[in-house]
N, C-alpha and C. Protein backbone atom coordinates (compact mmCIF):
# COMPACT_ATOMS: atom_id res chain seq x y z
N UNK A 1 118.42 -23.55 251.98
CA UNK A 1 117.69 -22.44 252.57
C UNK A 1 116.96 -21.72 251.42
N UNK A 2 115.70 -21.37 251.62
CA UNK A 2 114.90 -20.68 250.61
C UNK A 2 115.27 -19.21 250.57
N UNK A 3 114.94 -18.58 249.44
CA UNK A 3 115.26 -17.16 249.24
C UNK A 3 114.52 -16.32 250.28
N UNK A 4 113.27 -16.67 250.59
CA UNK A 4 112.51 -15.89 251.58
C UNK A 4 113.20 -15.93 252.95
N UNK A 5 113.73 -17.06 253.28
CA UNK A 5 114.40 -17.20 254.54
C UNK A 5 115.70 -16.39 254.59
N UNK A 6 116.40 -16.33 253.44
CA UNK A 6 117.61 -15.54 253.35
C UNK A 6 117.30 -14.04 253.49
N UNK A 7 116.20 -13.60 252.90
CA UNK A 7 115.85 -12.19 252.93
C UNK A 7 115.20 -11.78 254.27
N UNK A 8 114.31 -12.63 254.77
CA UNK A 8 113.52 -12.22 255.94
C UNK A 8 113.85 -13.01 257.22
N UNK A 9 114.80 -13.92 257.11
CA UNK A 9 115.12 -14.74 258.29
C UNK A 9 114.24 -15.94 258.38
N UNK A 10 114.45 -16.77 259.37
CA UNK A 10 113.66 -18.02 259.45
C UNK A 10 112.18 -17.70 259.67
N UNK A 11 111.33 -18.46 258.99
CA UNK A 11 109.92 -18.27 259.11
C UNK A 11 109.41 -19.25 260.15
N UNK A 12 108.76 -18.71 261.21
CA UNK A 12 108.27 -19.58 262.29
C UNK A 12 107.15 -20.50 261.78
N UNK A 13 107.16 -21.71 262.24
CA UNK A 13 106.09 -22.67 261.91
C UNK A 13 104.83 -22.29 262.66
N UNK A 14 103.68 -22.34 261.98
CA UNK A 14 102.42 -22.05 262.64
C UNK A 14 101.73 -23.39 262.97
N UNK A 15 101.09 -23.34 264.09
CA UNK A 15 100.34 -24.57 264.51
C UNK A 15 98.85 -24.28 264.46
N UNK A 16 98.06 -25.31 264.55
CA UNK A 16 96.61 -25.16 264.52
C UNK A 16 96.11 -24.27 265.62
N UNK A 17 96.75 -24.26 266.77
CA UNK A 17 96.28 -23.46 267.90
C UNK A 17 96.44 -21.94 267.60
N UNK A 18 97.25 -21.57 266.63
CA UNK A 18 97.45 -20.17 266.31
C UNK A 18 96.35 -19.64 265.38
N UNK A 19 95.50 -20.50 264.87
CA UNK A 19 94.44 -20.07 263.98
C UNK A 19 93.14 -19.93 264.77
N UNK A 20 92.39 -18.86 264.43
CA UNK A 20 91.12 -18.63 265.05
C UNK A 20 90.04 -18.79 264.01
N UNK A 21 88.99 -19.47 264.39
CA UNK A 21 87.88 -19.60 263.44
C UNK A 21 87.01 -18.38 263.56
N UNK A 22 86.66 -17.81 262.40
CA UNK A 22 85.89 -16.57 262.37
C UNK A 22 84.47 -16.87 261.97
N UNK A 23 83.53 -16.21 262.66
CA UNK A 23 82.13 -16.34 262.30
C UNK A 23 81.81 -15.07 261.48
N UNK A 24 81.71 -15.21 260.16
CA UNK A 24 81.51 -14.07 259.28
C UNK A 24 80.05 -13.74 259.11
N UNK A 25 79.16 -14.49 259.73
CA UNK A 25 77.73 -14.27 259.57
C UNK A 25 77.33 -12.86 260.06
N UNK A 26 78.05 -12.34 261.02
CA UNK A 26 77.70 -11.01 261.54
C UNK A 26 77.97 -9.90 260.52
N UNK A 27 78.81 -10.23 259.51
CA UNK A 27 79.09 -9.24 258.47
C UNK A 27 78.21 -9.37 257.24
N UNK A 28 77.51 -10.47 257.16
CA UNK A 28 76.62 -10.67 256.02
C UNK A 28 75.28 -10.04 256.33
N UNK A 29 74.89 -9.21 255.41
CA UNK A 29 73.63 -8.48 255.59
C UNK A 29 72.67 -8.87 254.52
N UNK A 30 71.50 -9.31 254.89
CA UNK A 30 70.46 -9.68 253.95
C UNK A 30 69.67 -8.42 253.65
N UNK A 31 69.77 -7.98 252.40
CA UNK A 31 69.06 -6.73 252.01
C UNK A 31 67.81 -7.12 251.24
N UNK A 32 66.88 -6.20 251.29
CA UNK A 32 65.69 -6.36 250.47
C UNK A 32 66.10 -6.33 249.01
N UNK A 33 65.52 -7.20 248.22
CA UNK A 33 65.91 -7.22 246.81
C UNK A 33 65.56 -5.92 246.11
N UNK A 34 66.53 -5.24 245.63
CA UNK A 34 66.33 -4.04 244.85
C UNK A 34 67.06 -4.21 243.53
N UNK A 35 66.50 -3.71 242.49
CA UNK A 35 67.17 -3.88 241.20
C UNK A 35 68.50 -3.08 241.22
N UNK A 36 69.50 -3.68 240.60
CA UNK A 36 70.78 -3.07 240.48
C UNK A 36 71.17 -2.93 239.02
N UNK A 37 72.02 -2.04 238.70
CA UNK A 37 72.47 -1.85 237.34
C UNK A 37 73.42 -3.00 236.95
N UNK A 38 74.26 -3.40 237.89
CA UNK A 38 75.24 -4.47 237.61
C UNK A 38 75.25 -5.43 238.78
N UNK A 39 75.23 -6.72 238.45
CA UNK A 39 75.34 -7.76 239.44
C UNK A 39 76.64 -8.49 239.25
N UNK A 40 77.17 -9.08 240.30
CA UNK A 40 78.28 -10.00 240.21
C UNK A 40 77.74 -11.38 240.33
N UNK A 41 77.84 -12.15 239.22
CA UNK A 41 77.31 -13.47 239.18
C UNK A 41 78.40 -14.49 239.22
N UNK A 42 78.16 -15.61 239.84
CA UNK A 42 79.12 -16.72 239.94
C UNK A 42 78.55 -17.90 239.19
N UNK A 43 79.40 -18.51 238.35
CA UNK A 43 78.94 -19.61 237.50
C UNK A 43 79.97 -20.74 237.52
N UNK A 44 79.48 -21.95 237.29
CA UNK A 44 80.37 -23.09 237.12
C UNK A 44 80.14 -23.62 235.73
N UNK A 45 81.22 -23.71 234.97
CA UNK A 45 81.13 -24.16 233.58
C UNK A 45 81.59 -25.62 233.55
N UNK A 46 80.65 -26.51 233.25
CA UNK A 46 80.97 -27.93 233.17
C UNK A 46 81.00 -28.47 231.76
N UNK A 47 80.39 -27.72 230.83
CA UNK A 47 80.47 -28.06 229.40
C UNK A 47 80.11 -26.81 228.60
N UNK A 48 80.15 -26.92 227.28
CA UNK A 48 79.93 -25.75 226.45
C UNK A 48 78.47 -25.32 226.40
N UNK A 49 77.59 -26.16 226.88
CA UNK A 49 76.13 -25.80 226.93
C UNK A 49 75.90 -24.58 227.84
N UNK A 50 76.80 -24.31 228.77
CA UNK A 50 76.63 -23.19 229.68
C UNK A 50 77.07 -21.83 229.11
N UNK A 51 77.75 -21.84 227.96
CA UNK A 51 78.29 -20.64 227.39
C UNK A 51 77.20 -19.60 227.04
N UNK A 52 76.07 -20.01 226.41
CA UNK A 52 75.04 -19.00 226.11
C UNK A 52 74.52 -18.27 227.33
N UNK A 53 74.38 -18.96 228.44
CA UNK A 53 73.93 -18.26 229.66
C UNK A 53 74.96 -17.25 230.14
N UNK A 54 76.23 -17.60 230.05
CA UNK A 54 77.30 -16.70 230.44
C UNK A 54 77.32 -15.46 229.53
N UNK A 55 77.18 -15.70 228.25
CA UNK A 55 77.15 -14.59 227.28
C UNK A 55 76.01 -13.65 227.57
N UNK A 56 74.83 -14.21 227.87
CA UNK A 56 73.64 -13.42 228.20
C UNK A 56 73.94 -12.51 229.40
N UNK A 57 74.54 -13.06 230.43
CA UNK A 57 74.86 -12.27 231.63
C UNK A 57 75.81 -11.13 231.29
N UNK A 58 76.81 -11.40 230.49
CA UNK A 58 77.80 -10.36 230.11
C UNK A 58 77.11 -9.28 229.27
N UNK A 59 76.28 -9.71 228.29
CA UNK A 59 75.55 -8.74 227.48
C UNK A 59 74.58 -7.89 228.30
N UNK A 60 74.06 -8.45 229.38
CA UNK A 60 73.16 -7.71 230.25
C UNK A 60 73.90 -6.77 231.20
N UNK A 61 75.22 -6.75 231.14
CA UNK A 61 76.03 -5.80 231.92
C UNK A 61 76.49 -6.31 233.29
N UNK A 62 76.50 -7.63 233.45
CA UNK A 62 76.91 -8.22 234.72
C UNK A 62 78.35 -8.68 234.71
N UNK A 63 78.96 -8.66 235.86
CA UNK A 63 80.30 -9.24 236.05
C UNK A 63 80.10 -10.70 236.34
N UNK A 64 80.83 -11.59 235.67
CA UNK A 64 80.65 -12.99 235.86
C UNK A 64 81.96 -13.65 236.26
N UNK A 65 81.96 -14.33 237.39
CA UNK A 65 83.11 -15.10 237.87
C UNK A 65 82.79 -16.56 237.50
N UNK A 66 83.66 -17.17 236.67
CA UNK A 66 83.39 -18.47 236.14
C UNK A 66 84.41 -19.48 236.70
N UNK A 67 83.88 -20.57 237.29
CA UNK A 67 84.71 -21.69 237.75
C UNK A 67 84.90 -22.61 236.57
N UNK A 68 86.12 -22.74 236.06
CA UNK A 68 86.37 -23.58 234.90
C UNK A 68 87.06 -24.89 235.27
N UNK A 69 87.07 -25.22 236.53
CA UNK A 69 87.79 -26.44 236.98
C UNK A 69 87.23 -27.71 236.35
N UNK A 70 85.96 -27.75 236.07
CA UNK A 70 85.33 -28.96 235.53
C UNK A 70 85.73 -29.21 234.06
N UNK A 71 86.15 -28.20 233.32
CA UNK A 71 86.50 -28.39 231.91
C UNK A 71 88.01 -28.30 231.66
N UNK A 72 88.78 -28.10 232.69
CA UNK A 72 90.25 -27.96 232.52
C UNK A 72 90.92 -29.18 231.96
N UNK A 73 90.36 -30.37 232.17
CA UNK A 73 90.99 -31.60 231.69
C UNK A 73 90.87 -31.74 230.16
N UNK A 74 89.87 -31.08 229.59
CA UNK A 74 89.63 -31.14 228.15
C UNK A 74 90.16 -29.84 227.52
N UNK A 75 91.40 -29.88 227.04
CA UNK A 75 92.05 -28.66 226.55
C UNK A 75 91.29 -27.98 225.40
N UNK A 76 90.72 -28.80 224.50
CA UNK A 76 89.96 -28.19 223.36
C UNK A 76 88.71 -27.48 223.88
N UNK A 77 88.03 -28.10 224.82
CA UNK A 77 86.81 -27.47 225.35
C UNK A 77 87.16 -26.20 226.10
N UNK A 78 88.25 -26.24 226.91
CA UNK A 78 88.66 -25.09 227.66
C UNK A 78 89.03 -23.94 226.71
N UNK A 79 89.80 -24.21 225.67
CA UNK A 79 90.20 -23.16 224.74
C UNK A 79 88.99 -22.58 224.02
N UNK A 80 88.06 -23.41 223.65
CA UNK A 80 86.86 -22.90 222.97
C UNK A 80 86.02 -22.04 223.89
N UNK A 81 85.84 -22.49 225.13
CA UNK A 81 85.05 -21.73 226.11
C UNK A 81 85.72 -20.35 226.36
N UNK A 82 87.02 -20.38 226.56
CA UNK A 82 87.69 -19.09 226.83
C UNK A 82 87.69 -18.19 225.60
N UNK A 83 87.79 -18.76 224.42
CA UNK A 83 87.73 -17.94 223.17
C UNK A 83 86.34 -17.33 223.02
N UNK A 84 85.26 -18.13 223.32
CA UNK A 84 83.91 -17.61 223.23
C UNK A 84 83.71 -16.47 224.24
N UNK A 85 84.21 -16.66 225.49
CA UNK A 85 84.04 -15.59 226.47
C UNK A 85 84.85 -14.35 226.05
N UNK A 86 86.04 -14.58 225.52
CA UNK A 86 86.88 -13.44 225.10
C UNK A 86 86.20 -12.68 223.99
N UNK A 87 85.55 -13.40 223.04
CA UNK A 87 84.85 -12.74 221.93
C UNK A 87 83.71 -11.86 222.43
N UNK A 88 82.96 -12.37 223.40
CA UNK A 88 81.83 -11.60 223.96
C UNK A 88 82.34 -10.37 224.67
N UNK A 89 83.36 -10.55 225.49
CA UNK A 89 83.94 -9.44 226.24
C UNK A 89 84.50 -8.38 225.30
N UNK A 90 85.10 -8.82 224.22
CA UNK A 90 85.61 -7.87 223.19
C UNK A 90 84.47 -7.11 222.53
N UNK A 91 83.39 -7.87 222.28
CA UNK A 91 82.23 -7.28 221.62
C UNK A 91 81.60 -6.17 222.46
N UNK A 92 81.57 -6.32 223.79
CA UNK A 92 80.97 -5.31 224.66
C UNK A 92 82.02 -4.35 225.20
N UNK A 93 83.25 -4.44 224.79
CA UNK A 93 84.37 -3.62 225.27
C UNK A 93 84.55 -3.79 226.78
N UNK A 94 84.49 -5.04 227.25
CA UNK A 94 84.70 -5.35 228.66
C UNK A 94 86.11 -5.87 228.86
N UNK A 95 86.25 -6.80 229.80
CA UNK A 95 87.57 -7.33 230.14
C UNK A 95 87.43 -8.76 230.62
N UNK A 96 88.51 -9.50 230.56
CA UNK A 96 88.55 -10.90 231.00
C UNK A 96 89.94 -11.16 231.57
N UNK A 97 89.97 -11.90 232.69
CA UNK A 97 91.23 -12.24 233.33
C UNK A 97 91.06 -13.46 234.19
N UNK A 98 92.19 -14.19 234.40
CA UNK A 98 92.21 -15.31 235.28
C UNK A 98 92.40 -14.84 236.72
N UNK A 99 91.62 -15.34 237.65
CA UNK A 99 91.77 -15.00 239.07
C UNK A 99 92.67 -16.04 239.80
N UNK A 100 92.58 -17.24 239.33
CA UNK A 100 93.26 -18.35 239.93
C UNK A 100 93.41 -19.39 238.83
N UNK A 101 93.92 -20.52 239.15
CA UNK A 101 93.99 -21.59 238.15
C UNK A 101 92.62 -22.03 237.68
N UNK A 102 91.63 -21.90 238.54
CA UNK A 102 90.29 -22.41 238.22
C UNK A 102 89.23 -21.35 238.03
N UNK A 103 89.59 -20.07 238.11
CA UNK A 103 88.57 -19.04 238.04
C UNK A 103 88.95 -18.01 236.96
N UNK A 104 87.90 -17.57 236.28
CA UNK A 104 88.02 -16.51 235.24
C UNK A 104 86.97 -15.45 235.57
N UNK A 105 87.33 -14.18 235.46
CA UNK A 105 86.38 -13.11 235.70
C UNK A 105 86.15 -12.39 234.38
N UNK A 106 84.89 -12.12 234.04
CA UNK A 106 84.58 -11.31 232.86
C UNK A 106 83.81 -10.10 233.29
N UNK A 107 84.06 -8.99 232.59
CA UNK A 107 83.37 -7.77 232.95
C UNK A 107 82.73 -7.17 231.70
N UNK A 108 81.65 -6.44 231.92
CA UNK A 108 80.95 -5.80 230.80
C UNK A 108 81.56 -4.42 230.43
N UNK A 109 80.85 -3.72 229.61
CA UNK A 109 81.26 -2.40 229.20
C UNK A 109 81.52 -1.49 230.37
N UNK A 110 82.62 -0.74 230.33
CA UNK A 110 82.90 0.27 231.34
C UNK A 110 83.59 -0.26 232.58
N UNK A 111 83.84 -1.57 232.67
CA UNK A 111 84.52 -2.11 233.83
C UNK A 111 85.77 -2.85 233.37
N UNK A 112 86.92 -2.39 233.80
CA UNK A 112 88.18 -2.98 233.45
C UNK A 112 88.78 -3.65 234.68
N UNK A 113 89.60 -4.64 234.48
CA UNK A 113 90.26 -5.39 235.58
C UNK A 113 91.66 -4.87 235.75
N UNK A 114 91.94 -4.39 236.91
CA UNK A 114 93.33 -3.95 237.27
C UNK A 114 94.12 -5.17 237.67
N UNK A 115 95.13 -5.49 236.93
CA UNK A 115 95.89 -6.73 237.20
C UNK A 115 96.95 -6.59 238.29
N UNK A 116 97.12 -5.40 238.83
CA UNK A 116 98.06 -5.24 239.94
C UNK A 116 97.35 -5.58 241.23
N UNK A 117 98.13 -6.08 242.16
CA UNK A 117 97.57 -6.51 243.47
C UNK A 117 97.65 -5.35 244.47
N UNK A 118 96.67 -5.34 245.35
CA UNK A 118 96.69 -4.41 246.47
C UNK A 118 97.19 -5.15 247.70
N UNK A 119 98.32 -4.72 248.19
CA UNK A 119 98.87 -5.40 249.38
C UNK A 119 99.20 -6.84 249.10
N UNK A 120 99.42 -7.60 250.18
CA UNK A 120 99.73 -9.02 250.02
C UNK A 120 100.95 -9.24 249.19
N UNK A 121 100.98 -10.39 248.55
CA UNK A 121 102.14 -10.70 247.69
C UNK A 121 101.71 -10.98 246.29
């Protein structure tokens, strides 16, 4: 018996019929392009050639969410990429943290990452 089951009792099995598919398009709003002070950019890092573009975004004051799944197999490349991102973030007094096994978030000056979770587990 798992610890969760001991604490909370048996966990009921969920079936596919209990899930509802959500159409989120009604919540997505297309706005007219207006300049913003800070953007949240999403990037995929497949080799070290992408590091200069990521650095540029951080220096320009943008939050960058980086998918590192493509370089995780090469430990040396991964360490170098993370070290380069850490150096840039330190240079601008920003922050860097892992979101998941495959995602890293970097922030520019004035934006810090709170590592505590809101709700959930």
